[in-house]
Protein backbone atom coordinates (compact mmCIF):
# COMPACT_ATOMS: atom_id res chain seq x y z
CA MET A 1 122.81 79.96 113.19
CA ASP A 2 120.39 78.81 115.80
CA HIS A 3 122.35 75.56 116.79
CA LYS A 4 120.29 74.24 120.26
CA TYR A 5 117.57 73.29 117.30
CA ILE A 6 119.59 71.19 115.29
CA SER A 7 120.81 67.67 116.52
CA THR A 8 122.99 66.43 113.78
CA ALA A 9 123.26 67.83 110.12
CA LEU A 10 125.04 66.58 107.34
CA PHE A 11 126.79 67.94 104.22
CA VAL A 12 127.97 65.50 101.08
CA CYS A 13 130.03 66.85 98.75
CA THR A 14 130.45 64.19 96.01
CA ALA A 15 131.11 66.04 92.67
CA VAL A 16 130.96 69.97 91.53
CA VAL A 17 127.73 70.83 89.64
CA ILE A 18 128.02 73.47 86.91
CA ALA A 19 123.89 74.12 86.67
CA ALA A 20 122.47 76.99 84.81
CA ILE A 21 119.20 77.80 86.32
CA SER A 22 116.56 79.64 84.39
CA GLY A 23 115.67 82.66 86.78
CA CYS A 24 116.63 80.74 90.02
CA GLY A 25 118.12 83.49 92.78
CA THR A 26 117.11 86.41 90.07
CA ASP A 27 114.10 89.04 90.39
CA LYS A 28 110.82 86.92 88.74
CA ASN A 29 110.78 89.50 85.91
CA SER A 30 114.27 89.24 85.06
CA ALA A 31 115.20 86.86 81.87
CA SER A 32 118.79 86.41 82.39
CA VAL A 33 119.84 83.18 83.32
CA THR A 34 122.36 82.42 86.41
CA GLU A 35 124.65 80.22 86.08
CA ARG A 36 126.18 78.82 89.24
CA VAL A 37 128.07 76.37 90.71
CA ILE A 38 126.35 73.54 93.18
CA THR A 39 129.04 72.27 95.31
CA VAL A 40 126.52 70.06 97.54
CA GLN A 41 124.99 67.14 96.15
CA LYS A 42 123.22 66.17 99.44
CA LEU A 43 122.03 68.13 102.19
CA SER A 44 120.40 66.79 105.22
CA VAL A 45 119.37 68.16 108.62
CA GLU A 46 117.85 66.41 111.65
CA LEU A 47 115.41 68.20 113.79
CA PRO A 48 113.01 67.46 116.81
CA VAL A 49 109.31 68.03 115.84
CA SER A 50 106.24 68.56 117.81
CA PRO A 51 102.61 68.76 116.84
CA GLU A 52 101.03 72.49 115.89
CA GLU A 53 97.79 72.96 117.50
CA LYS A 54 96.28 75.23 115.75
CA PHE A 55 96.44 73.66 111.99
CA GLY A 56 97.27 70.08 112.87
CA GLY A 57 100.84 70.35 111.14
CA ILE A 58 104.14 69.72 112.33
CA ARG A 59 106.81 71.92 113.95
CA PHE A 60 110.18 71.61 113.49
CA GLU A 61 112.58 72.77 115.74
CA CYS A 62 114.50 74.73 113.66
CA SER A 63 113.82 78.72 113.21
CA PRO A 64 113.43 80.05 109.15
CA GLU A 65 116.83 82.14 109.69
CA ALA A 66 118.75 79.11 110.69
CA PHE A 67 117.17 76.47 108.41
CA THR A 68 118.10 78.90 105.41
CA GLU A 69 121.35 79.20 107.19
CA LEU A 70 122.40 75.55 106.48
CA GLY A 71 121.35 76.01 103.16
CA PHE A 72 117.80 75.40 102.12
CA GLU A 73 115.64 78.59 100.65
CA PRO A 74 111.91 78.73 100.02
CA GLY A 75 111.53 77.68 95.78
CA ASP A 76 113.45 74.28 96.95
CA THR A 77 112.04 70.90 97.23
CA VAL A 78 112.71 68.45 100.05
CA ASP A 79 111.89 64.81 101.12
CA ILE A 80 111.20 64.15 104.83
CA GLU A 81 111.76 60.84 106.34
CA PHE A 82 110.12 60.72 110.64
CA ASP A 83 111.81 58.36 113.08
CA ASN A 84 109.05 56.21 112.32
CA GLY A 85 109.45 55.33 108.92
CA VAL A 86 106.73 57.61 107.47
CA LYS A 87 108.55 59.15 104.08
CA LEU A 88 107.38 62.19 101.79
CA GLU A 89 109.32 63.10 98.67
CA GLN A 90 109.69 65.63 96.44
CA LEU A 91 107.39 68.46 98.58
CA PRO A 92 107.73 72.06 98.27
CA PHE A 93 109.19 74.18 100.57
CA LEU A 94 107.76 77.68 100.44
CA SER A 95 106.95 80.96 102.07
CA GLY A 96 103.48 81.15 102.18
CA PHE A 97 100.84 78.05 101.90
CA TYR A 98 100.55 78.20 97.44
CA VAL A 99 99.62 74.90 97.23
CA LYS A 100 95.83 73.47 96.51
CA ARG A 101 93.76 72.42 99.58
CA GLY A 102 94.73 68.88 100.89
CA ASN A 103 98.61 69.35 99.85
CA ASN A 104 101.40 69.35 101.80
CA LEU A 105 104.29 71.51 101.51
CA LEU A 106 107.04 72.41 104.35
CA ILE A 107 106.53 76.17 105.19
CA ALA A 108 108.77 78.65 105.93
CA TYR A 109 105.80 81.49 106.97
CA PRO A 110 106.02 85.20 107.59
CA GLY A 111 105.96 85.41 111.28
CA TYR A 112 106.40 81.59 112.16
CA ASP A 113 109.06 80.64 114.62
CA VAL A 114 110.07 77.74 113.29
CA ILE A 115 109.85 75.99 109.91
CA GLN A 116 106.66 73.80 109.83
CA LEU A 117 104.84 70.87 107.74
CA GLN A 118 101.71 71.75 107.01
CA GLN A 119 98.45 70.13 104.54
CA ASN A 120 96.81 73.01 103.23
CA CYS A 121 93.15 73.51 104.46
CA GLY A 122 93.46 70.00 105.43
CA SER A 123 93.76 67.01 108.24
CA ASN A 124 95.74 67.05 111.21
CA ILE A 125 99.13 65.44 109.88
CA TRP A 126 100.48 64.80 113.12
CA LYS A 127 97.65 62.26 114.27
CA ASP A 128 97.66 61.06 110.13
CA PHE A 129 101.33 59.57 110.46
CA GLY A 130 100.87 58.68 113.83
CA LEU A 131 103.85 61.37 116.04
CA THR A 132 104.30 60.83 119.29
CA GLU A 133 106.62 63.28 122.06
CA GLY A 134 109.92 62.92 121.21
CA ALA A 135 109.81 62.27 117.53
CA LYS A 136 112.92 63.16 115.32
CA ALA A 137 112.67 63.77 111.08
CA VAL A 138 115.36 63.68 108.57
CA ILE A 139 114.92 66.54 105.83
CA THR A 140 117.05 66.35 102.99
CA LEU A 141 117.36 68.44 99.38
CA CYS A 142 115.41 66.94 96.84
CA LYS A 143 116.26 69.61 94.17
CA LYS A 144 117.50 73.04 94.25
CA CYS A 145 115.02 75.15 93.12
CA GLY A 146 112.40 72.63 92.06
CA CYS A 147 109.61 74.58 93.02
CA TYR A 148 110.99 77.98 92.55
CA ASP A 149 108.51 79.05 90.05
CA ILE A 150 105.82 78.76 92.61
CA GLU A 151 107.62 80.51 94.92
CA THR A 152 108.45 83.31 92.61
CA SER A 153 105.23 83.29 90.98
CA PHE A 154 102.87 83.78 94.38
CA LYS A 155 105.54 86.07 96.74
CA LEU A 156 103.74 87.46 99.01
CA ILE A 157 105.16 89.48 101.57
CA TYR A 158 103.48 92.32 103.18
CA THR A 159 104.47 95.01 106.21
CA ASP A 160 103.46 95.79 109.57
CA ASP A 161 103.95 98.82 108.98
CA ARG A 162 100.55 101.50 109.27
CA GLU A 163 102.64 104.35 106.74
CA ASP A 164 102.82 101.51 103.83
CA TYR A 165 99.24 101.17 103.57
CA SER A 166 97.19 104.13 101.75
CA THR A 167 94.03 104.20 103.96
CA ASP A 168 93.43 102.71 107.79
CA ALA A 169 90.89 100.11 106.27
CA GLN A 170 93.16 99.11 103.95
CA PHE A 171 96.25 97.91 106.55
CA ALA A 172 93.02 96.49 108.78
CA ASN A 173 91.95 94.82 105.61
CA PHE A 174 88.44 96.06 106.96
CA ARG A 175 85.55 96.74 104.78
CA GLU A 176 81.84 96.07 104.50
CA VAL A 177 80.40 93.33 102.45
CA THR A 178 77.10 93.93 100.04
CA VAL A 179 77.77 91.37 97.40
CA GLY A 180 74.75 89.58 96.29
CA ASP A 181 71.36 90.31 98.51
CA ILE A 182 73.53 91.42 101.57
CA ARG A 183 72.31 95.27 102.79
CA PRO A 184 74.77 97.32 103.72
CA GLY A 185 75.66 97.80 107.60
CA ARG A 186 75.01 93.62 107.88
CA LEU A 187 78.39 91.38 107.67
CA TYR A 188 81.91 93.05 108.00
CA ARG A 189 85.19 91.54 107.32
CA SER A 190 88.81 92.13 108.70
CA ALA A 191 92.23 91.53 110.48
CA SER A 192 91.88 90.65 113.66
CA PRO A 193 90.79 93.64 116.20
CA CYS A 194 92.34 92.06 119.23
CA ASP A 195 95.51 89.97 118.21
CA ASN A 196 98.09 92.63 117.98
CA SER A 197 100.52 90.65 116.33
CA HIS A 198 100.36 92.24 112.95
CA SER A 199 99.94 95.67 114.66
CA ARG A 200 96.80 96.13 113.27
CA ALA A 201 94.39 95.27 116.16
CA ALA A 202 93.73 99.13 117.18
CA TYR A 203 92.19 100.00 113.27
CA SER A 204 90.24 97.06 113.49
CA ASP A 205 88.40 97.61 116.48
CA ARG A 206 88.33 101.28 115.59
CA LEU A 207 86.74 100.85 112.42
CA ALA A 208 84.74 98.16 114.44
CA SER A 209 83.07 100.82 116.56
CA GLU A 210 82.34 103.49 113.55
CA ASN A 211 80.93 100.92 111.94
CA GLY A 212 78.37 99.70 114.26
CA VAL A 213 79.82 95.98 115.09
CA LYS A 214 77.55 94.56 117.29
CA PHE A 215 78.95 90.75 117.03
CA ILE A 216 82.10 89.70 116.29
CA ILE A 217 82.93 85.94 115.06
CA ASP A 218 86.32 85.08 115.83
CA LEU A 219 87.80 82.23 113.99
CA ALA A 220 91.39 82.96 115.01
CA ASP A 221 91.41 82.46 119.13
CA ASN A 222 89.75 80.78 121.88
CA ASP A 223 88.92 82.34 125.40
CA THR A 224 91.95 81.46 126.61
CA GLU A 225 94.17 83.42 123.84
CA ILE A 226 92.05 86.02 123.97
CA ALA A 227 92.71 87.20 127.54
CA GLU A 228 96.29 86.81 127.14
CA TYR A 229 95.74 89.42 124.08
CA MET A 230 93.63 92.25 126.67
CA SER A 231 95.91 91.78 129.28
CA ALA A 232 98.77 92.72 127.09
CA PRO A 233 100.55 95.88 127.26
CA ASP A 234 99.61 97.12 123.07
CA PHE A 235 96.26 95.87 123.77
CA ASN A 236 94.08 98.88 122.51
CA SER A 237 90.35 97.73 121.28
CA PRO A 238 88.26 98.74 123.83
CA HIS A 239 85.35 97.86 121.47
CA PHE A 240 86.19 94.52 121.16
CA ARG A 241 86.94 94.58 124.78
CA GLU A 242 83.03 95.94 125.51
CA LEU A 243 81.56 92.83 123.37
CA TYR A 244 84.04 90.25 124.61
CA GLY A 245 82.55 91.66 127.72
CA ASN A 246 78.78 91.30 127.09
CA GLY A 247 78.77 88.17 125.63
CA ARG A 248 78.77 89.54 121.94
CA VAL A 249 82.33 87.89 120.74
CA ALA A 250 81.99 83.59 119.58
CA ALA A 251 85.99 82.54 119.81
CA ILE A 252 85.47 79.48 117.90
CA ASN A 253 89.41 78.85 117.04
CA LEU A 254 89.12 77.54 113.49
CA SER A 255 91.92 75.36 111.98
CA ALA A 256 92.00 75.70 108.39
CA ASP A 257 90.28 72.30 107.55
CA TYR A 258 87.10 73.41 106.06
CA GLY A 259 85.71 69.96 106.02
CA SER A 260 86.24 68.63 108.60
CA ASP A 261 83.05 67.41 111.46
CA VAL A 262 85.21 69.69 113.73
CA TYR A 263 85.54 72.67 111.81
CA LYS A 264 81.52 72.72 111.22
CA GLU A 265 80.41 72.00 114.60
CA LYS A 266 82.44 75.12 115.72
CA LEU A 267 81.64 77.08 113.01
CA GLY A 268 77.95 76.32 113.61
CA LYS A 269 77.87 77.18 117.33
CA GLY A 270 79.13 80.49 116.22
CA PHE A 271 76.51 81.49 113.97
CA THR A 272 74.17 79.80 116.69
CA ALA A 273 75.62 82.16 118.83
CA TYR A 274 74.89 85.39 116.26
CA LEU A 275 71.37 84.37 115.35
CA ASP A 276 71.07 84.70 119.40
CA SER A 277 72.26 88.34 119.66
CA ASP A 278 71.31 91.03 117.00
CA GLY A 279 73.45 93.87 115.20
CA ALA A 280 75.84 94.08 112.41
CA LEU A 281 78.25 91.12 112.26
CA LEU A 282 82.05 90.81 111.97
CA ILE A 283 84.08 87.81 110.97
CA HIS A 284 87.91 87.47 111.11
CA CYS A 285 90.34 85.54 111.74
CA THR A 286 93.91 86.84 111.88
CA GLU A 287 94.56 88.67 109.12
CA GLY A 288 91.14 88.30 107.27
CA LYS A 289 91.99 86.08 104.18
CA ASP A 290 92.04 82.38 104.63
CA ARG A 291 89.55 81.39 107.08
CA THR A 292 87.67 84.70 106.88
CA GLY A 293 88.23 84.10 103.16
CA PHE A 294 86.01 80.51 103.26
CA VAL A 295 83.58 81.27 106.15
CA LEU A 296 82.72 84.69 103.52
CA ALA A 297 82.25 82.96 100.66
CA MET A 298 80.02 80.47 101.93
CA LEU A 299 77.56 83.40 103.38
CA GLU A 300 78.08 85.53 100.02
CA ALA A 301 76.92 82.32 98.41
CA LEU A 302 74.11 81.87 100.26
CA CYS A 303 72.86 85.24 99.96
CA GLY A 304 72.73 85.10 96.26
CA ALA A 305 76.26 85.87 95.17
CA THR A 306 77.75 85.10 91.88
CA LEU A 307 80.81 83.48 92.20
CA ASP A 308 82.47 87.05 89.90
CA GLU A 309 81.37 88.63 93.16
CA MET A 310 82.46 86.35 95.88
CA LYS A 311 85.93 85.87 93.68
CA ALA A 312 86.34 89.73 93.41
CA ASP A 313 85.53 90.07 96.95
CA TYR A 314 88.31 87.74 98.37
CA MET A 315 90.63 89.00 95.95
CA LEU A 316 90.42 92.70 97.69
CA THR A 317 92.36 91.20 100.35
CA PHE A 318 95.15 90.21 98.28
CA ASN A 319 94.76 93.80 96.94
CA ASN A 320 95.07 95.29 100.57
CA TYR A 321 97.60 93.08 101.63
CA TYR A 322 100.18 92.97 98.13
CA GLY A 323 98.56 95.16 95.73
CA VAL A 324 97.29 91.89 93.91
CA SER A 325 94.95 92.93 91.48
CA ARG A 326 94.36 91.76 87.55
CA ASP A 327 94.91 94.75 86.06
CA LYS A 328 98.42 94.66 87.52
CA ASP A 329 99.20 90.96 87.24
CA ALA A 330 96.51 89.11 85.75
CA VAL A 331 98.91 86.07 85.95
CA GLN A 332 99.09 86.65 89.08
CA TYR A 333 96.15 87.63 90.37
CA ASP A 334 94.12 83.78 88.40
CA LEU A 335 97.19 81.94 90.31
CA ILE A 336 95.97 82.99 93.41
CA VAL A 337 92.12 82.53 92.56
CA SER A 338 93.32 78.64 90.93
CA THR A 339 95.44 77.70 94.06
CA LEU A 340 93.14 79.25 96.97
CA PHE A 341 89.37 80.36 96.27
CA ASP A 342 88.73 78.29 93.38
CA CYS A 343 89.44 75.27 96.39
CA PHE A 344 86.59 77.02 98.34
CA ILE A 345 84.00 76.56 95.93
CA GLU A 346 85.31 72.48 95.18
CA LEU A 347 84.79 71.60 98.83
CA LEU A 348 81.55 73.38 99.07
CA ASN A 349 80.53 71.32 95.48
CA GLU A 350 81.63 68.10 97.10
CA ASN A 351 79.93 68.79 100.59
CA ALA A 352 76.30 69.42 98.36
CA GLY A 353 77.24 67.19 95.07
CA SER A 354 75.45 70.54 93.74
CA THR A 355 77.31 73.99 91.78
CA ASP A 356 74.31 75.22 92.45
CA LEU A 357 76.43 77.79 95.19
CA LYS A 358 72.78 78.91 97.18
CA LEU A 359 71.95 75.09 97.45
CA CYS A 360 76.09 74.64 98.66
CA ALA A 361 75.79 76.61 101.63
CA GLU A 362 72.40 76.14 102.95
CA LYS A 363 74.00 72.14 102.58
CA TYR A 364 77.30 73.53 104.46
CA LEU A 365 75.43 74.98 106.91
CA LEU A 366 72.99 71.67 107.54
CA SER A 367 76.29 70.27 107.86
CA CYS A 368 76.93 72.41 110.69
CA GLY A 369 74.29 71.64 112.85
CA LEU A 370 71.81 74.79 111.90
CA THR A 371 68.61 74.03 111.22
CA GLU A 372 66.49 74.69 107.77
CA VAL A 373 65.04 77.64 109.78
CA GLN A 374 68.17 79.12 111.21
CA ILE A 375 69.66 79.19 108.18
CA ASP A 376 66.50 80.81 106.97
CA ARG A 377 66.78 83.38 109.91
CA LEU A 378 70.60 83.43 109.12
CA ARG A 379 70.04 84.48 105.92
CA GLU A 380 67.52 87.79 106.59
CA ARG A 381 69.55 88.92 108.92
CA LEU A 382 72.11 89.42 106.15
CA THR A 383 69.56 90.48 103.43
CA SER A 384 66.45 91.65 104.77
């Protein structure tokens, strides 16, 4: 256990409860019922908190491994009380962003060094909750396996081992986008070609070079982060380095709050930079999944794609990383669509006050600061 992060831990055992929990602690495909002896009715831990800058969340200074050793597990629900009086009740504790837009969750995402409180595709909750430097919070177990069905229904885990994937393109989540009226050779999406934290950067970079990518909109990083990537000993992305050196990378460092003014302003600057350039465009974030997923869905709508085409392109990412497809598991496929992809469409509809996808995209881009002339040029660059 990582004791240095934990200031106080309370384990209050007031009874021994024999609980029959269907599916809890078993394989999700198993129909058996596991009988457990639960000896802890109240489990609490007090932790220091700090702001998570990228997405506006809250870091709890405890590693996922240490938090699990304390007795918390993804699939539990928890209550959180901050020392300024803000209280959150019955929050899901999950291993991924398996909640709808605007909902809070405690998350132990693979690769995160600490557990975090996040609002999925939402606002800066550190600021919203009025937290300041030196703040602390108490996390209390609300219900063991309280959201176990959600955790096991999603349970999306991938590896960073190239040998576990059939092709370089699948490993890099790299693909050409040609839905709607988008023509071949104009638009690509992928995992990051510069951030090698998932061992995919060199593969994305090589594929971008082979496919003639001449401009990149990097949704995930700022210039400082890119400089750190390029100075790392494992950096092996010569095409990205060349494009960046020639001013052909727009590093716009987005959160996942797609509806915020800051997000829109940054995205508008990225597209403006692309319109001042030429050649094939690559859009990426870290994994090429969520931030990339929203931006691509919006561009696809702008270029006349149907809802089914947009959905199918989005879900190819989940097939690449996790092997999720409608043929293999229609229930899981539809759950991901309804929880994650449908939120993109709802936001576009809300922004435009319409269900006309093309109109939704146009109005969204207007709210990003693009003019009607620029929007027409963007569509023309991708379709003509």
